[in-house]
Amino acid sequence: MPIYFDEKNDWQIVSTLSKTVYRDEDVGLVIKMRNPFNTKSYVLLFCGKRFKGTRAATLALIRHAKLLEEGNKFKDGIARVVKGVDKDSDGIIDDCIFIE
């Protein structure tokens, strides 16, 4: 996978595309890639580091679907890293920004 979790180093998110490691808890990822078990279909993966990262990835899918399709395109899919943003300082992730 172009972006993955490194289980040996506190589940850091590692991007093979930009050679960057993300350690923050409010970082998530959204990947659309070919299904390794059935190459005729695709797999959509959205997850994050802890709850805040997963919420950021979910908000990226819901609110920014068009932006997900831009940038970071690799061989057979799309891979994006997002960071959660708390716009009103209430401790809840309200939106996300695209890091990669």
C-alpha atoms as a PDB file:
ATOM      1  CA  MET A   1       0.000   0.000   0.000  1.00  0.00           C
ATOM      2  CA  PRO A   2       1.237   3.506  -0.707  1.00  0.00           C
ATOM      3  CA  ILE A   3       0.316   4.703   2.808  1.00  0.00           C
ATOM      4  CA  TYR A   4       0.291   2.322   5.756  1.00  0.00           C
ATOM      5  CA  PHE A   5       0.407   1.988   9.541  1.00  0.00           C
ATOM      6  CA  ASP A   6       3.768   1.012  11.042  1.00  0.00           C
ATOM      7  CA  GLU A   7       2.771  -1.352  13.850  1.00  0.00           C
ATOM      8  CA  LYS A   8       6.299  -1.567  15.248  1.00  0.00           C
ATOM      9  CA  ASN A   9       6.580   2.209  15.854  1.00  0.00           C
ATOM     10  CA  ASP A  10       3.420   3.170  17.755  1.00  0.00           C
ATOM     11  CA  TRP A  11       1.205   2.772  14.665  1.00  0.00           C
ATOM     12  CA  GLN A  12       2.670   5.768  12.885  1.00  0.00           C
ATOM     13  CA  ILE A  13       1.287   6.526   9.435  1.00  0.00           C
ATOM     14  CA  VAL A  14       3.992   6.152   6.785  1.00  0.00           C
ATOM     15  CA  SER A  15       3.715   7.475   3.243  1.00  0.00           C
ATOM     16  CA  THR A  16       5.868   5.735   0.645  1.00  0.00           C
ATOM     17  CA  LEU A  17       4.873   8.437  -1.855  1.00  0.00           C
ATOM     18  CA  SER A  18       6.411  11.385   0.006  1.00  0.00           C
ATOM     19  CA  LYS A  19       8.663   9.422   2.397  1.00  0.00           C
ATOM     20  CA  THR A  20       6.962  11.148   5.361  1.00  0.00           C
ATOM     21  CA  VAL A  21       6.004   9.749   8.772  1.00  0.00           C
ATOM     22  CA  TYR A  22       2.937  11.144  10.577  1.00  0.00           C
ATOM     23  CA  ARG A  23       2.785  10.729  14.361  1.00  0.00           C
ATOM     24  CA  ASP A  24      -0.146  12.986  15.328  1.00  0.00           C
ATOM     25  CA  GLU A  25      -3.332  11.416  16.660  1.00  0.00           C
ATOM     26  CA  ASP A  26      -5.569  13.562  14.461  1.00  0.00           C
ATOM     27  CA  VAL A  27      -4.147  12.280  11.166  1.00  0.00           C
ATOM     28  CA  GLY A  28      -6.072   9.871   8.948  1.00  0.00           C
ATOM     29  CA  LEU A  29      -5.848   8.368   5.499  1.00  0.00           C
ATOM     30  CA  VAL A  30      -8.160   7.630   2.598  1.00  0.00           C
ATOM     31  CA  ILE A  31      -7.072   5.113  -0.026  1.00  0.00           C
ATOM     32  CA  LYS A  32      -8.838   3.821  -3.112  1.00  0.00           C
ATOM     33  CA  MET A  33      -6.925   0.994  -4.741  1.00  0.00           C
ATOM     34  CA  ARG A  34      -7.401  -2.187  -6.724  1.00  0.00           C
ATOM     35  CA  ASN A  35      -8.618  -5.119  -4.707  1.00  0.00           C
ATOM     36  CA  PRO A  36      -5.636  -7.486  -4.355  1.00  0.00           C
ATOM     37  CA  PHE A  37      -7.997 -10.492  -4.329  1.00  0.00           C
ATOM     38  CA  ASN A  38     -10.147  -9.418  -7.291  1.00  0.00           C
ATOM     39  CA  THR A  39      -8.433  -7.050  -9.732  1.00  0.00           C
ATOM     40  CA  LYS A  40     -11.735  -6.172 -11.404  1.00  0.00           C
ATOM     41  CA  SER A  41     -12.892  -4.240  -8.329  1.00  0.00           C
ATOM     42  CA  TYR A  42     -11.603  -1.547  -5.981  1.00  0.00           C
ATOM     43  CA  VAL A  43     -11.236  -1.225  -2.222  1.00  0.00           C
ATOM     44  CA  LEU A  44     -11.937   1.992  -0.317  1.00  0.00           C
ATOM     45  CA  LEU A  45     -10.041   2.295   2.948  1.00  0.00           C
ATOM     46  CA  PHE A  46     -10.512   5.202   5.340  1.00  0.00           C
ATOM     47  CA  CYS A  47      -9.042   5.099   8.812  1.00  0.00           C
ATOM     48  CA  GLY A  48      -6.941   7.081  11.199  1.00  0.00           C
ATOM     49  CA  LYS A  49      -4.712   7.076  14.188  1.00  0.00           C
ATOM     50  CA  ARG A  50      -7.087   7.050  17.158  1.00  0.00           C
ATOM     51  CA  PHE A  51     -10.634   8.415  17.011  1.00  0.00           C
ATOM     52  CA  LYS A  52      -9.663  11.927  15.880  1.00  0.00           C
ATOM     53  CA  GLY A  53      -7.798  10.625  12.831  1.00  0.00           C
ATOM     54  CA  THR A  54     -10.654   8.333  11.854  1.00  0.00           C
ATOM     55  CA  ARG A  55     -13.092  11.221  12.203  1.00  0.00           C
ATOM     56  CA  ALA A  56     -10.881  13.369   9.955  1.00  0.00           C
ATOM     57  CA  ALA A  57     -10.836  10.631   7.283  1.00  0.00           C
ATOM     58  CA  THR A  58     -14.614  10.233   7.531  1.00  0.00           C
ATOM     59  CA  LEU A  59     -15.142  13.996   7.162  1.00  0.00           C
ATOM     60  CA  ALA A  60     -12.863  13.969   4.116  1.00  0.00           C
ATOM     61  CA  LEU A  61     -15.145  11.391   2.485  1.00  0.00           C
ATOM     62  CA  ILE A  62     -18.346  13.186   3.418  1.00  0.00           C
ATOM     63  CA  ARG A  63     -17.412  16.829   2.823  1.00  0.00           C
ATOM     64  CA  HIS A  64     -14.511  16.782   0.370  1.00  0.00           C
ATOM     65  CA  ALA A  65     -15.127  13.941  -2.073  1.00  0.00           C
ATOM     66  CA  LYS A  66     -13.985  16.027  -5.065  1.00  0.00           C
ATOM     67  CA  LEU A  67     -10.696  16.959  -3.356  1.00  0.00           C
ATOM     68  CA  LEU A  68     -10.004  13.290  -2.637  1.00  0.00           C
ATOM     69  CA  GLU A  69      -9.831  12.629  -6.361  1.00  0.00           C
ATOM     70  CA  GLU A  70      -7.113  15.250  -6.871  1.00  0.00           C
ATOM     71  CA  GLY A  71      -3.420  14.718  -6.233  1.00  0.00           C
ATOM     72  CA  ASN A  72      -1.481  11.749  -4.901  1.00  0.00           C
ATOM     73  CA  LYS A  73      -2.638   9.508  -7.687  1.00  0.00           C
ATOM     74  CA  PHE A  74      -0.595   6.385  -7.996  1.00  0.00           C
ATOM     75  CA  LYS A  75      -0.684   3.405 -10.330  1.00  0.00           C
ATOM     76  CA  ASP A  76      -4.245   2.145  -9.745  1.00  0.00           C
ATOM     77  CA  GLY A  77      -5.875   4.467  -7.268  1.00  0.00           C
ATOM     78  CA  ILE A  78      -5.810   7.443  -4.955  1.00  0.00           C
ATOM     79  CA  ALA A  79      -4.053   7.860  -1.603  1.00  0.00           C
ATOM     80  CA  ARG A  80      -4.541  10.944   0.599  1.00  0.00           C
ATOM     81  CA  VAL A  81      -3.475  11.897   4.120  1.00  0.00           C
ATOM     82  CA  VAL A  82      -5.731  14.246   6.079  1.00  0.00           C
ATOM     83  CA  LYS A  83      -5.399  16.100   9.370  1.00  0.00           C
ATOM     84  CA  GLY A  84      -8.361  16.893  11.608  1.00  0.00           C
ATOM     85  CA  VAL A  85      -9.151  20.514  12.417  1.00  0.00           C
ATOM     86  CA  ASP A  86     -11.122  21.792  15.423  1.00  0.00           C
ATOM     87  CA  LYS A  87     -12.515  25.050  14.041  1.00  0.00           C
ATOM     88  CA  ASP A  88     -14.506  26.183  17.072  1.00  0.00           C
ATOM     89  CA  SER A  89     -12.116  24.944  19.823  1.00  0.00           C
ATOM     90  CA  ASP A  90     -14.636  22.651  21.487  1.00  0.00           C
ATOM     91  CA  GLY A  91     -12.380  19.586  21.396  1.00  0.00           C
ATOM     92  CA  ILE A  92     -14.262  17.912  18.513  1.00  0.00           C
ATOM     93  CA  ILE A  93     -12.817  17.573  14.996  1.00  0.00           C
ATOM     94  CA  ASP A  94     -15.078  19.673  12.734  1.00  0.00           C
ATOM     95  CA  ASP A  95     -13.252  19.530   9.414  1.00  0.00           C
ATOM     96  CA  CYS A  96     -10.039  18.344   7.798  1.00  0.00           C
ATOM     97  CA  ILE A  97      -7.193  19.613   5.699  1.00  0.00           C
ATOM     98  CA  PHE A  98      -5.319  17.602   3.098  1.00  0.00           C
ATOM     99  CA  ILE A  99      -1.674  17.141   4.066  1.00  0.00           C
ATOM    100  CA  GLU A 100      -0.780  14.942   1.130  1.00  0.00           C
END
